[in-house]
Amino acid sequence: DHLRDHGSKDTIAVTLAAVYDKSEKRDDALAIYATYMNNCRGCGTQTPLEIERKYADLSLAGDNHSDQILEIYLGLARKDQANAAEYYLNASRIYAARGNQSEAMRFRDIADQYISD
């Protein structure tokens, strides 16, 4: 549906971002994913989960522990229940990196609930 509505430019952009990621050009990949996500917000469509996830994962790998990345992971946990444990673990990592051990433990416990189910 997204490709039908937005054409092949998005496919090319996402492919280029993946190439940049594999080439360890994280900033270039992040810039493309950010533009893609902003374009989705601008036209009112839902950003594909895999794009949000790639953006958040690359950001976290680059030590970005911002509220924006935390919110993306929490949103993904709600939208993609099958992978919620991973998203909550990443939220835990963000809180731990910020020095907030109580929130880090709380989100680790939430992740553990998904793992044991």
PDB file of N, CA and C in Angstrom:
ATOM      1  N   ASP A   1       0.818  -1.193   0.000  1.00  0.00           N
ATOM      2  CA  ASP A   1       0.000   0.000   0.000  1.00  0.00           C
ATOM      3  C   ASP A   1       0.863   1.258   0.000  1.00  0.00           C
ATOM      4  N   HIS A   2       1.871   1.260   0.869  1.00  0.00           N
ATOM      5  CA  HIS A   2       2.731   2.439   0.958  1.00  0.00           C
ATOM      6  C   HIS A   2       3.425   2.703  -0.374  1.00  0.00           C
ATOM      7  N   LEU A   3       3.922   1.636  -0.995  1.00  0.00           N
ATOM      8  CA  LEU A   3       4.604   1.807  -2.271  1.00  0.00           C
ATOM      9  C   LEU A   3       3.641   2.340  -3.326  1.00  0.00           C
ATOM     10  N   ARG A   4       2.421   1.831  -3.329  1.00  0.00           N
ATOM     11  CA  ARG A   4       1.417   2.304  -4.284  1.00  0.00           C
ATOM     12  C   ARG A   4       1.140   3.794  -4.084  1.00  0.00           C
ATOM     13  N   ASP A   5       1.041   4.214  -2.820  1.00  0.00           N
ATOM     14  CA  ASP A   5       0.703   5.602  -2.515  1.00  0.00           C
ATOM     15  C   ASP A   5       1.873   6.563  -2.712  1.00  0.00           C
ATOM     16  N   HIS A   6       3.095   6.077  -2.524  1.00  0.00           N
ATOM     17  CA  HIS A   6       4.248   6.981  -2.523  1.00  0.00           C
ATOM     18  C   HIS A   6       5.285   6.688  -3.596  1.00  0.00           C
ATOM     19  N   GLY A   7       5.114   5.624  -4.325  1.00  0.00           N
ATOM     20  CA  GLY A   7       5.999   5.344  -5.440  1.00  0.00           C
ATOM     21  C   GLY A   7       7.304   4.694  -5.049  1.00  0.00           C
ATOM     22  N   SER A   8       8.155   4.562  -6.051  1.00  0.00           N
ATOM     23  CA  SER A   8       9.407   3.836  -5.856  1.00  0.00           C
ATOM     24  C   SER A   8      10.484   4.664  -5.175  1.00  0.00           C
ATOM     25  N   LYS A   9      10.311   5.981  -5.061  1.00  0.00           N
ATOM     26  CA  LYS A   9      11.324   6.810  -4.400  1.00  0.00           C
ATOM     27  C   LYS A   9      11.585   6.327  -2.981  1.00  0.00           C
ATOM     28  N   ASP A  10      10.524   5.974  -2.256  1.00  0.00           N
ATOM     29  CA  ASP A  10      10.691   5.498  -0.879  1.00  0.00           C
ATOM     30  C   ASP A  10      11.459   4.192  -0.841  1.00  0.00           C
ATOM     31  N   THR A  11      11.176   3.306  -1.774  1.00  0.00           N
ATOM     32  CA  THR A  11      11.879   2.031  -1.836  1.00  0.00           C
ATOM     33  C   THR A  11      13.363   2.258  -2.094  1.00  0.00           C
ATOM     34  N   ILE A  12      13.662   3.150  -3.007  1.00  0.00           N
ATOM     35  CA  ILE A  12      15.061   3.471  -3.311  1.00  0.00           C
ATOM     36  C   ILE A  12      15.729   4.091  -2.088  1.00  0.00           C
ATOM     37  N   ALA A  13      15.045   4.992  -1.417  1.00  0.00           N
ATOM     38  CA  ALA A  13      15.616   5.644  -0.234  1.00  0.00           C
ATOM     39  C   ALA A  13      15.911   4.625   0.865  1.00  0.00           C
ATOM     40  N   VAL A  14      14.970   3.726   1.115  1.00  0.00           N
ATOM     41  CA  VAL A  14      15.165   2.716   2.164  1.00  0.00           C
ATOM     42  C   VAL A  14      16.300   1.772   1.785  1.00  0.00           C
ATOM     43  N   THR A  15      16.391   1.419   0.524  1.00  0.00           N
ATOM     44  CA  THR A  15      17.486   0.558   0.064  1.00  0.00           C
ATOM     45  C   THR A  15      18.823   1.269   0.239  1.00  0.00           C
ATOM     46  N   LEU A  16      18.871   2.534  -0.103  1.00  0.00           N
ATOM     47  CA  LEU A  16      20.103   3.309   0.071  1.00  0.00           C
ATOM     48  C   LEU A  16      20.472   3.405   1.548  1.00  0.00           C
ATOM     49  N   ALA A  17      19.495   3.619   2.411  1.00  0.00           N
ATOM     50  CA  ALA A  17      19.765   3.675   3.847  1.00  0.00           C
ATOM     51  C   ALA A  17      20.354   2.352   4.334  1.00  0.00           C
ATOM     52  N   ALA A  18      19.818   1.239   3.847  1.00  0.00           N
ATOM     53  CA  ALA A  18      20.343  -0.073   4.239  1.00  0.00           C
ATOM     54  C   ALA A  18      21.784  -0.249   3.764  1.00  0.00           C
ATOM     55  N   VAL A  19      22.085   0.240   2.563  1.00  0.00           N
ATOM     56  CA  VAL A  19      23.457   0.169   2.053  1.00  0.00           C
ATOM     57  C   VAL A  19      24.379   1.014   2.927  1.00  0.00           C
ATOM     58  N   TYR A  20      23.942   2.219   3.267  1.00  0.00           N
ATOM     59  CA  TYR A  20      24.744   3.071   4.152  1.00  0.00           C
ATOM     60  C   TYR A  20      24.977   2.394   5.495  1.00  0.00           C
ATOM     61  N   ASP A  21      23.940   1.769   6.024  1.00  0.00           N
ATOM     62  CA  ASP A  21      24.054   1.079   7.304  1.00  0.00           C
ATOM     63  C   ASP A  21      25.107  -0.027   7.215  1.00  0.00           C
ATOM     64  N   LYS A  22      25.034  -0.837   6.181  1.00  0.00           N
ATOM     65  CA  LYS A  22      25.997  -1.935   5.995  1.00  0.00           C
ATOM     66  C   LYS A  22      27.412  -1.406   5.765  1.00  0.00           C
ATOM     67  N   SER A  23      27.514  -0.214   5.203  1.00  0.00           N
ATOM     68  CA  SER A  23      28.816   0.401   4.934  1.00  0.00           C
ATOM     69  C   SER A  23      29.319   1.200   6.128  1.00  0.00           C
ATOM     70  N   GLU A  24      28.619   1.075   7.237  1.00  0.00           N
ATOM     71  CA  GLU A  24      28.958   1.783   8.470  1.00  0.00           C
ATOM     72  C   GLU A  24      28.913   3.299   8.312  1.00  0.00           C
ATOM     73  N   LYS A  25      28.004   3.759   7.481  1.00  0.00           N
ATOM     74  CA  LYS A  25      27.747   5.192   7.329  1.00  0.00           C
ATOM     75  C   LYS A  25      26.440   5.495   8.045  1.00  0.00           C
ATOM     76  N   ARG A  26      26.483   5.304   9.367  1.00  0.00           N
ATOM     77  CA  ARG A  26      25.287   5.393  10.205  1.00  0.00           C
ATOM     78  C   ARG A  26      24.580   6.739  10.077  1.00  0.00           C
ATOM     79  N   ASP A  27      25.336   7.820  10.082  1.00  0.00           N
ATOM     80  CA  ASP A  27      24.709   9.148  10.015  1.00  0.00           C
ATOM     81  C   ASP A  27      23.935   9.342   8.715  1.00  0.00           C
ATOM     82  N   ASP A  28      24.474   8.841   7.612  1.00  0.00           N
ATOM     83  CA  ASP A  28      23.769   8.948   6.338  1.00  0.00           C
ATOM     84  C   ASP A  28      22.484   8.116   6.351  1.00  0.00           C
ATOM     85  N   ALA A  29      22.581   6.903   6.895  1.00  0.00           N
ATOM     86  CA  ALA A  29      21.393   6.048   6.995  1.00  0.00           C
ATOM     87  C   ALA A  29      20.347   6.694   7.892  1.00  0.00           C
ATOM     88  N   LEU A  30      20.776   7.226   9.024  1.00  0.00           N
ATOM     89  CA  LEU A  30      19.837   7.886   9.940  1.00  0.00           C
ATOM     90  C   LEU A  30      19.144   9.067   9.287  1.00  0.00           C
ATOM     91  N   ALA A  31      19.893   9.833   8.508  1.00  0.00           N
ATOM     92  CA  ALA A  31      19.303  10.998   7.837  1.00  0.00           C
ATOM     93  C   ALA A  31      18.213  10.561   6.862  1.00  0.00           C
ATOM     94  N   ILE A  32      18.447   9.487   6.145  1.00  0.00           N
ATOM     95  CA  ILE A  32      17.437   9.004   5.200  1.00  0.00           C
ATOM     96  C   ILE A  32      16.217   8.490   5.946  1.00  0.00           C
ATOM     97  N   TYR A  33      16.429   7.688   6.993  1.00  0.00           N
ATOM     98  CA  TYR A  33      15.289   7.180   7.764  1.00  0.00           C
ATOM     99  C   TYR A  33      14.500   8.329   8.410  1.00  0.00           C
ATOM    100  N   ALA A  34      15.208   9.343   8.913  1.00  0.00           N
ATOM    101  CA  ALA A  34      14.524  10.487   9.536  1.00  0.00           C
ATOM    102  C   ALA A  34      13.672  11.224   8.511  1.00  0.00           C
ATOM    103  N   THR A  35      14.215  11.439   7.321  1.00  0.00           N
ATOM    104  CA  THR A  35      13.454  12.100   6.260  1.00  0.00           C
ATOM    105  C   THR A  35      12.225  11.279   5.895  1.00  0.00           C
ATOM    106  N   TYR A  36      12.405   9.989   5.778  1.00  0.00           N
ATOM    107  CA  TYR A  36      11.294   9.092   5.450  1.00  0.00           C
ATOM    108  C   TYR A  36      10.203   9.205   6.506  1.00  0.00           C
ATOM    109  N   MET A  37      10.593   9.134   7.780  1.00  0.00           N
ATOM    110  CA  MET A  37       9.615   9.212   8.868  1.00  0.00           C
ATOM    111  C   MET A  37       8.923  10.573   8.878  1.00  0.00           C
ATOM    112  N   ASN A  38       9.657  11.642   8.655  1.00  0.00           N
ATOM    113  CA  ASN A  38       9.052  12.977   8.608  1.00  0.00           C
ATOM    114  C   ASN A  38       8.083  13.111   7.440  1.00  0.00           C
ATOM    115  N   ASN A  39       8.423  12.523   6.309  1.00  0.00           N
ATOM    116  CA  ASN A  39       7.512  12.559   5.158  1.00  0.00           C
ATOM    117  C   ASN A  39       6.226  11.811   5.462  1.00  0.00           C
ATOM    118  N   CYS A  40       6.327  10.692   6.171  1.00  0.00           N
ATOM    119  CA  CYS A  40       5.122   9.939   6.533  1.00  0.00           C
ATOM    120  C   CYS A  40       4.232  10.780   7.451  1.00  0.00           C
ATOM    121  N   ARG A  41       4.856  11.420   8.437  1.00  0.00           N
ATOM    122  CA  ARG A  41       4.073  12.278   9.342  1.00  0.00           C
ATOM    123  C   ARG A  41       3.442  13.433   8.578  1.00  0.00           C
ATOM    124  N   GLY A  42       4.188  13.963   7.619  1.00  0.00           N
ATOM    125  CA  GLY A  42       3.710  15.112   6.859  1.00  0.00           C
ATOM    126  C   GLY A  42       2.508  14.800   5.994  1.00  0.00           C
ATOM    127  N   CYS A  43       2.438  13.575   5.490  1.00  0.00           N
ATOM    128  CA  CYS A  43       1.299  13.245   4.622  1.00  0.00           C
ATOM    129  C   CYS A  43       0.246  12.431   5.369  1.00  0.00           C
ATOM    130  N   GLY A  44       0.469  12.181   6.643  1.00  0.00           N
ATOM    131  CA  GLY A  44      -0.550  11.530   7.464  1.00  0.00           C
ATOM    132  C   GLY A  44      -0.582  10.017   7.397  1.00  0.00           C
ATOM    133  N   THR A  45       0.433   9.399   6.801  1.00  0.00           N
ATOM    134  CA  THR A  45       0.455   7.938   6.766  1.00  0.00           C
ATOM    135  C   THR A  45       1.280   7.392   7.918  1.00  0.00           C
ATOM    136  N   GLN A  46       1.021   6.159   8.251  1.00  0.00           N
ATOM    137  CA  GLN A  46       1.756   5.472   9.310  1.00  0.00           C
ATOM    138  C   GLN A  46       3.139   5.087   8.793  1.00  0.00           C
ATOM    139  N   THR A  47       4.180   5.439   9.528  1.00  0.00           N
ATOM    140  CA  THR A  47       5.523   5.010   9.163  1.00  0.00           C
ATOM    141  C   THR A  47       5.603   3.501   9.351  1.00  0.00           C
ATOM    142  N   PRO A  48       6.112   2.777   8.367  1.00  0.00           N
ATOM    143  CA  PRO A  48       6.248   1.329   8.541  1.00  0.00           C
ATOM    144  C   PRO A  48       7.091   1.002   9.784  1.00  0.00           C
ATOM    145  N   LEU A  49       6.665  -0.021  10.508  1.00  0.00           N
ATOM    146  CA  LEU A  49       7.342  -0.395  11.748  1.00  0.00           C
ATOM    147  C   LEU A  49       8.824  -0.676  11.535  1.00  0.00           C
ATOM    148  N   GLU A  50       9.156  -1.316  10.423  1.00  0.00           N
ATOM    149  CA  GLU A  50      10.559  -1.661  10.196  1.00  0.00           C
ATOM    150  C   GLU A  50      11.426  -0.417  10.033  1.00  0.00           C
ATOM    151  N   ILE A  51      10.853   0.670   9.516  1.00  0.00           N
ATOM    152  CA  ILE A  51      11.613   1.920   9.374  1.00  0.00           C
ATOM    153  C   ILE A  51      11.838   2.545  10.753  1.00  0.00           C
ATOM    154  N   GLU A  52      10.786   2.591  11.558  1.00  0.00           N
ATOM    155  CA  GLU A  52      10.931   3.115  12.921  1.00  0.00           C
ATOM    156  C   GLU A  52      11.960   2.303  13.697  1.00  0.00           C
ATOM    157  N   ARG A  53      11.870   0.990  13.548  1.00  0.00           N
ATOM    158  CA  ARG A  53      12.785   0.112  14.279  1.00  0.00           C
ATOM    159  C   ARG A  53      14.235   0.334  13.836  1.00  0.00           C
ATOM    160  N   LYS A  54      14.465   0.397  12.528  1.00  0.00           N
ATOM    161  CA  LYS A  54      15.823   0.602  12.030  1.00  0.00           C
ATOM    162  C   LYS A  54      16.378   1.940  12.510  1.00  0.00           C
ATOM    163  N   TYR A  55      15.544   2.960  12.459  1.00  0.00           N
ATOM    164  CA  TYR A  55      15.977   4.281  12.914  1.00  0.00           C
ATOM    165  C   TYR A  55      16.345   4.245  14.396  1.00  0.00           C
ATOM    166  N   ALA A  56      15.483   3.647  15.203  1.00  0.00           N
ATOM    167  CA  ALA A  56      15.746   3.582  16.643  1.00  0.00           C
ATOM    168  C   ALA A  56      16.966   2.716  16.946  1.00  0.00           C
ATOM    169  N   ASP A  57      17.094   1.580  16.270  1.00  0.00           N
ATOM    170  CA  ASP A  57      18.232   0.692  16.521  1.00  0.00           C
ATOM    171  C   ASP A  57      19.555   1.355  16.149  1.00  0.00           C
ATOM    172  N   LEU A  58      19.587   2.025  15.002  1.00  0.00           N
ATOM    173  CA  LEU A  58      20.813   2.734  14.600  1.00  0.00           C
ATOM    174  C   LEU A  58      21.130   3.870  15.563  1.00  0.00           C
ATOM    175  N   SER A  59      20.093   4.556  16.001  1.00  0.00           N
ATOM    176  CA  SER A  59      20.293   5.665  16.941  1.00  0.00           C
ATOM    177  C   SER A  59      20.844   5.149  18.267  1.00  0.00           C
ATOM    178  N   LEU A  60      20.263   4.073  18.771  1.00  0.00           N
ATOM    179  CA  LEU A  60      20.721   3.507  20.035  1.00  0.00           C
ATOM    180  C   LEU A  60      22.151   2.986  19.903  1.00  0.00           C
ATOM    181  N   ALA A  61      22.468   2.372  18.778  1.00  0.00           N
ATOM    182  CA  ALA A  61      23.834   1.887  18.546  1.00  0.00           C
ATOM    183  C   ALA A  61      24.829   3.040  18.536  1.00  0.00           C
ATOM    184  N   GLY A  62      24.359   4.220  18.175  1.00  0.00           N
ATOM    185  CA  GLY A  62      25.205   5.419  18.182  1.00  0.00           C
ATOM    186  C   GLY A  62      25.131   6.190  19.487  1.00  0.00           C
ATOM    187  N   ASP A  63      24.667   5.503  20.540  1.00  0.00           N
ATOM    188  CA  ASP A  63      24.574   6.086  21.891  1.00  0.00           C
ATOM    189  C   ASP A  63      23.589   7.246  21.987  1.00  0.00           C
ATOM    190  N   ASN A  64      22.550   7.223  21.178  1.00  0.00           N
ATOM    191  CA  ASN A  64      21.482   8.214  21.288  1.00  0.00           C
ATOM    192  C   ASN A  64      20.464   7.677  22.297  1.00  0.00           C
ATOM    193  N   HIS A  65      20.404   8.292  23.455  1.00  0.00           N
ATOM    194  CA  HIS A  65      19.497   7.871  24.528  1.00  0.00           C
ATOM    195  C   HIS A  65      18.423   8.931  24.771  1.00  0.00           C
ATOM    196  N   SER A  66      18.004   9.571  23.698  1.00  0.00           N
ATOM    197  CA  SER A  66      17.065  10.691  23.793  1.00  0.00           C
ATOM    198  C   SER A  66      15.649  10.213  24.072  1.00  0.00           C
ATOM    199  N   ASP A  67      14.821  11.174  24.466  1.00  0.00           N
ATOM    200  CA  ASP A  67      13.395  10.888  24.660  1.00  0.00           C
ATOM    201  C   ASP A  67      12.762  10.417  23.358  1.00  0.00           C
ATOM    202  N   GLN A  68      13.198  10.968  22.232  1.00  0.00           N
ATOM    203  CA  GLN A  68      12.634  10.574  20.942  1.00  0.00           C
ATOM    204  C   GLN A  68      12.826   9.080  20.699  1.00  0.00           C
ATOM    205  N   ILE A  69      14.016   8.572  20.949  1.00  0.00           N
ATOM    206  CA  ILE A  69      14.295   7.153  20.704  1.00  0.00           C
ATOM    207  C   ILE A  69      13.541   6.299  21.714  1.00  0.00           C
ATOM    208  N   LEU A  70      13.486   6.744  22.954  1.00  0.00           N
ATOM    209  CA  LEU A  70      12.708   6.030  23.964  1.00  0.00           C
ATOM    210  C   LEU A  70      11.244   5.934  23.543  1.00  0.00           C
ATOM    211  N   GLU A  71      10.673   7.033  23.080  1.00  0.00           N
ATOM    212  CA  GLU A  71       9.269   7.046  22.655  1.00  0.00           C
ATOM    213  C   GLU A  71       9.028   6.143  21.446  1.00  0.00           C
ATOM    214  N   ILE A  72       9.989   6.095  20.547  1.00  0.00           N
ATOM    215  CA  ILE A  72       9.838   5.194  19.400  1.00  0.00           C
ATOM    216  C   ILE A  72       9.762   3.752  19.880  1.00  0.00           C
ATOM    217  N   TYR A  73      10.679   3.370  20.780  1.00  0.00           N
ATOM    218  CA  TYR A  73      10.662   1.988  21.284  1.00  0.00           C
ATOM    219  C   TYR A  73       9.370   1.676  22.036  1.00  0.00           C
ATOM    220  N   LEU A  74       8.897   2.598  22.837  1.00  0.00           N
ATOM    221  CA  LEU A  74       7.658   2.339  23.578  1.00  0.00           C
ATOM    222  C   LEU A  74       6.468   2.240  22.626  1.00  0.00           C
ATOM    223  N   GLY A  75       6.462   3.072  21.596  1.00  0.00           N
ATOM    224  CA  GLY A  75       5.408   2.984  20.590  1.00  0.00           C
ATOM    225  C   GLY A  75       5.472   1.666  19.828  1.00  0.00           C
ATOM    226  N   LEU A  76       6.675   1.235  19.490  1.00  0.00           N
ATOM    227  CA  LEU A  76       6.833  -0.043  18.805  1.00  0.00           C
ATOM    228  C   LEU A  76       6.350  -1.198  19.674  1.00  0.00           C
ATOM    229  N   ALA A  77       6.616  -1.116  20.970  1.00  0.00           N
ATOM    230  CA  ALA A  77       6.179  -2.182  21.882  1.00  0.00           C
ATOM    231  C   ALA A  77       4.658  -2.313  21.872  1.00  0.00           C
ATOM    232  N   ARG A  78       3.969  -1.195  21.753  1.00  0.00           N
ATOM    233  CA  ARG A  78       2.500  -1.232  21.685  1.00  0.00           C
ATOM    234  C   ARG A  78       2.003  -1.761  20.344  1.00  0.00           C
ATOM    235  N   LYS A  79       2.679  -1.360  19.266  1.00  0.00           N
ATOM    236  CA  LYS A  79       2.219  -1.709  17.924  1.00  0.00           C
ATOM    237  C   LYS A  79       2.672  -3.091  17.460  1.00  0.00           C
ATOM    238  N   ASP A  80       3.787  -3.566  17.979  1.00  0.00           N
ATOM    239  CA  ASP A  80       4.393  -4.820  17.525  1.00  0.00           C
ATOM    240  C   ASP A  80       4.625  -5.729  18.731  1.00  0.00           C
ATOM    241  N   GLN A  81       3.535  -6.278  19.240  1.00  0.00           N
ATOM    242  CA  GLN A  81       3.574  -7.088  20.469  1.00  0.00           C
ATOM    243  C   GLN A  81       4.503  -8.300  20.352  1.00  0.00           C
ATOM    244  N   ALA A  82       4.670  -8.825  19.155  1.00  0.00           N
ATOM    245  CA  ALA A  82       5.523 -10.007  18.976  1.00  0.00           C
ATOM    246  C   ALA A  82       6.978  -9.719  19.348  1.00  0.00           C
ATOM    247  N   ASN A  83       7.388  -8.469  19.232  1.00  0.00           N
ATOM    248  CA  ASN A  83       8.769  -8.088  19.539  1.00  0.00           C
ATOM    249  C   ASN A  83       8.847  -7.126  20.728  1.00  0.00           C
ATOM    250  N   ALA A  84       7.787  -7.072  21.517  1.00  0.00           N
ATOM    251  CA  ALA A  84       7.722  -6.114  22.623  1.00  0.00           C
ATOM    252  C   ALA A  84       8.861  -6.296  23.621  1.00  0.00           C
ATOM    253  N   ALA A  85       9.243  -7.529  23.896  1.00  0.00           N
ATOM    254  CA  ALA A  85      10.326  -7.767  24.866  1.00  0.00           C
ATOM    255  C   ALA A  85      11.599  -7.045  24.443  1.00  0.00           C
ATOM    256  N   GLU A  86      11.942  -7.137  23.173  1.00  0.00           N
ATOM    257  CA  GLU A  86      13.149  -6.470  22.675  1.00  0.00           C
ATOM    258  C   GLU A  86      13.049  -4.954  22.823  1.00  0.00           C
ATOM    259  N   TYR A  87      11.871  -4.405  22.507  1.00  0.00           N
ATOM    260  CA  TYR A  87      11.694  -2.961  22.609  1.00  0.00           C
ATOM    261  C   TYR A  87      11.784  -2.490  24.062  1.00  0.00           C
ATOM    262  N   TYR A  88      11.185  -3.261  24.976  1.00  0.00           N
ATOM    263  CA  TYR A  88      11.261  -2.894  26.388  1.00  0.00           C
ATOM    264  C   TYR A  88      12.690  -3.041  26.919  1.00  0.00           C
ATOM    265  N   LEU A  89      13.424  -4.018  26.424  1.00  0.00           N
ATOM    266  CA  LEU A  89      14.840  -4.136  26.819  1.00  0.00           C
ATOM    267  C   LEU A  89      15.637  -2.931  26.338  1.00  0.00           C
ATOM    268  N   ASN A  90      15.324  -2.458  25.150  1.00  0.00           N
ATOM    269  CA  ASN A  90      16.010  -1.258  24.651  1.00  0.00           C
ATOM    270  C   ASN A  90      15.633  -0.032  25.473  1.00  0.00           C
ATOM    271  N   ALA A  91      14.378   0.058  25.884  1.00  0.00           N
ATOM    272  CA  ALA A  91      13.976   1.154  26.782  1.00  0.00           C
ATOM    273  C   ALA A  91      14.762   1.050  28.088  1.00  0.00           C
ATOM    274  N   SER A  92      14.929  -0.169  28.591  1.00  0.00           N
ATOM    275  CA  SER A  92      15.711  -0.386  29.807  1.00  0.00           C
ATOM    276  C   SER A  92      17.156   0.084  29.615  1.00  0.00           C
ATOM    277  N   ARG A  93      17.735  -0.222  28.459  1.00  0.00           N
ATOM    278  CA  ARG A  93      19.113   0.207  28.164  1.00  0.00           C
ATOM    279  C   ARG A  93      19.228   1.735  28.152  1.00  0.00           C
ATOM    280  N   ILE A  94      18.218   2.379  27.592  1.00  0.00           N
ATOM    281  CA  ILE A  94      18.237   3.842  27.547  1.00  0.00           C
ATOM    282  C   ILE A  94      18.211   4.411  28.963  1.00  0.00           C
ATOM    283  N   TYR A  95      17.311   3.908  29.792  1.00  0.00           N
ATOM    284  CA  TYR A  95      17.250   4.396  31.167  1.00  0.00           C
ATOM    285  C   TYR A  95      18.537   4.096  31.922  1.00  0.00           C
ATOM    286  N   ALA A  96      19.121   2.923  31.707  1.00  0.00           N
ATOM    287  CA  ALA A  96      20.383   2.581  32.377  1.00  0.00           C
ATOM    288  C   ALA A  96      21.488   3.541  31.953  1.00  0.00           C
ATOM    289  N   ALA A  97      21.543   3.864  30.660  1.00  0.00           N
ATOM    290  CA  ALA A  97      22.565   4.786  30.162  1.00  0.00           C
ATOM    291  C   ALA A  97      22.388   6.184  30.740  1.00  0.00           C
ATOM    292  N   ARG A  98      21.165   6.528  31.077  1.00  0.00           N
ATOM    293  CA  ARG A  98      20.871   7.826  31.689  1.00  0.00           C
ATOM    294  C   ARG A  98      21.132   7.822  33.192  1.00  0.00           C
ATOM    295  N   GLY A  99      21.425   6.640  33.731  1.00  0.00           N
ATOM    296  CA  GLY A  99      21.677   6.532  35.161  1.00  0.00           C
ATOM    297  C   GLY A  99      20.422   6.337  35.996  1.00  0.00           C
ATOM    298  N   ASN A 100      19.304   6.048  35.355  1.00  0.00           N
ATOM    299  CA  ASN A 100      18.043   5.845  36.063  1.00  0.00           C
ATOM    300  C   ASN A 100      17.815   4.337  36.217  1.00  0.00           C
ATOM    301  N   GLN A 101      18.442   3.781  37.246  1.00  0.00           N
ATOM    302  CA  GLN A 101      18.412   2.329  37.428  1.00  0.00           C
ATOM    303  C   GLN A 101      17.028   1.795  37.783  1.00  0.00           C
ATOM    304  N   SER A 102      16.231   2.566  38.504  1.00  0.00           N
ATOM    305  CA  SER A 102      14.899   2.072  38.873  1.00  0.00           C
ATOM    306  C   SER A 102      14.022   1.896  37.634  1.00  0.00           C
ATOM    307  N   GLU A 103      14.057   2.868  36.710  1.00  0.00           N
ATOM    308  CA  GLU A 103      13.290   2.724  35.470  1.00  0.00           C
ATOM    309  C   GLU A 103      13.894   1.640  34.584  1.00  0.00           C
ATOM    310  N   ALA A 104      15.203   1.518  34.586  1.00  0.00           N
ATOM    311  CA  ALA A 104      15.856   0.451  33.815  1.00  0.00           C
ATOM    312  C   ALA A 104      15.372  -0.915  34.296  1.00  0.00           C
ATOM    313  N   MET A 105      15.315  -1.092  35.603  1.00  0.00           N
ATOM    314  CA  MET A 105      14.845  -2.372  36.162  1.00  0.00           C
ATOM    315  C   MET A 105      13.365  -2.589  35.864  1.00  0.00           C
ATOM    316  N   ARG A 106      12.575  -1.537  35.947  1.00  0.00           N
ATOM    317  CA  ARG A 106      11.144  -1.659  35.685  1.00  0.00           C
ATOM    318  C   ARG A 106      10.895  -2.136  34.254  1.00  0.00           C
ATOM    319  N   PHE A 107      11.593  -1.557  33.291  1.00  0.00           N
ATOM    320  CA  PHE A 107      11.395  -1.969  31.904  1.00  0.00           C
ATOM    321  C   PHE A 107      12.006  -3.343  31.628  1.00  0.00           C
ATOM    322  N   ARG A 108      13.064  -3.701  32.342  1.00  0.00           N
ATOM    323  CA  ARG A 108      13.613  -5.056  32.214  1.00  0.00           C
ATOM    324  C   ARG A 108      12.581  -6.064  32.727  1.00  0.00           C
ATOM    325  N   ASP A 109      11.930  -5.736  33.831  1.00  0.00           N
ATOM    326  CA  ASP A 109      10.888  -6.615  34.361  1.00  0.00           C
ATOM    327  C   ASP A 109       9.718  -6.759  33.382  1.00  0.00           C
ATOM    328  N   ILE A 110       9.338  -5.664  32.751  1.00  0.00           N
ATOM    329  CA  ILE A 110       8.265  -5.726  31.753  1.00  0.00           C
ATOM    330  C   ILE A 110       8.695  -6.629  30.593  1.00  0.00           C
ATOM    331  N   ALA A 111       9.918  -6.473  30.144  1.00  0.00           N
ATOM    332  CA  ALA A 111      10.441  -7.313  29.044  1.00  0.00           C
ATOM    333  C   ALA A 111      10.422  -8.784  29.460  1.00  0.00           C
ATOM    334  N   ASP A 112      10.820  -9.049  30.700  1.00  0.00           N
ATOM    335  CA  ASP A 112      10.836 -10.433  31.195  1.00  0.00           C
ATOM    336  C   ASP A 112       9.444 -11.056  31.176  1.00  0.00           C
ATOM    337  N   GLN A 113       8.429 -10.252  31.430  1.00  0.00           N
ATOM    338  CA  GLN A 113       7.055 -10.764  31.372  1.00  0.00           C
ATOM    339  C   GLN A 113       6.694 -11.221  29.961  1.00  0.00           C
ATOM    340  N   TYR A 114       7.150 -10.502  28.978  1.00  0.00           N
ATOM    341  CA  TYR A 114       6.884 -10.892  27.589  1.00  0.00           C
ATOM    342  C   TYR A 114       7.677 -12.132  27.198  1.00  0.00           C
ATOM    343  N   ILE A 115       8.892 -12.248  27.736  1.00  0.00           N
ATOM    344  CA  ILE A 115       9.732 -13.399  27.409  1.00  0.00           C
ATOM    345  C   ILE A 115       9.158 -14.675  28.021  1.00  0.00           C
ATOM    346  N   SER A 116       8.630 -14.567  29.242  1.00  0.00           N
ATOM    347  CA  SER A 116       8.140 -15.776  29.926  1.00  0.00           C
ATOM    348  C   SER A 116       6.751 -16.198  29.461  1.00  0.00           C
ATOM    349  N   ASP A 117       6.042 -15.335  28.722  1.00  0.00           N
ATOM    350  CA  ASP A 117       4.707 -15.700  28.220  1.00  0.00           C
ATOM    351  C   ASP A 117       4.757 -16.636  27.052  1.00  0.00           C
TER     352      ASP A 117
END
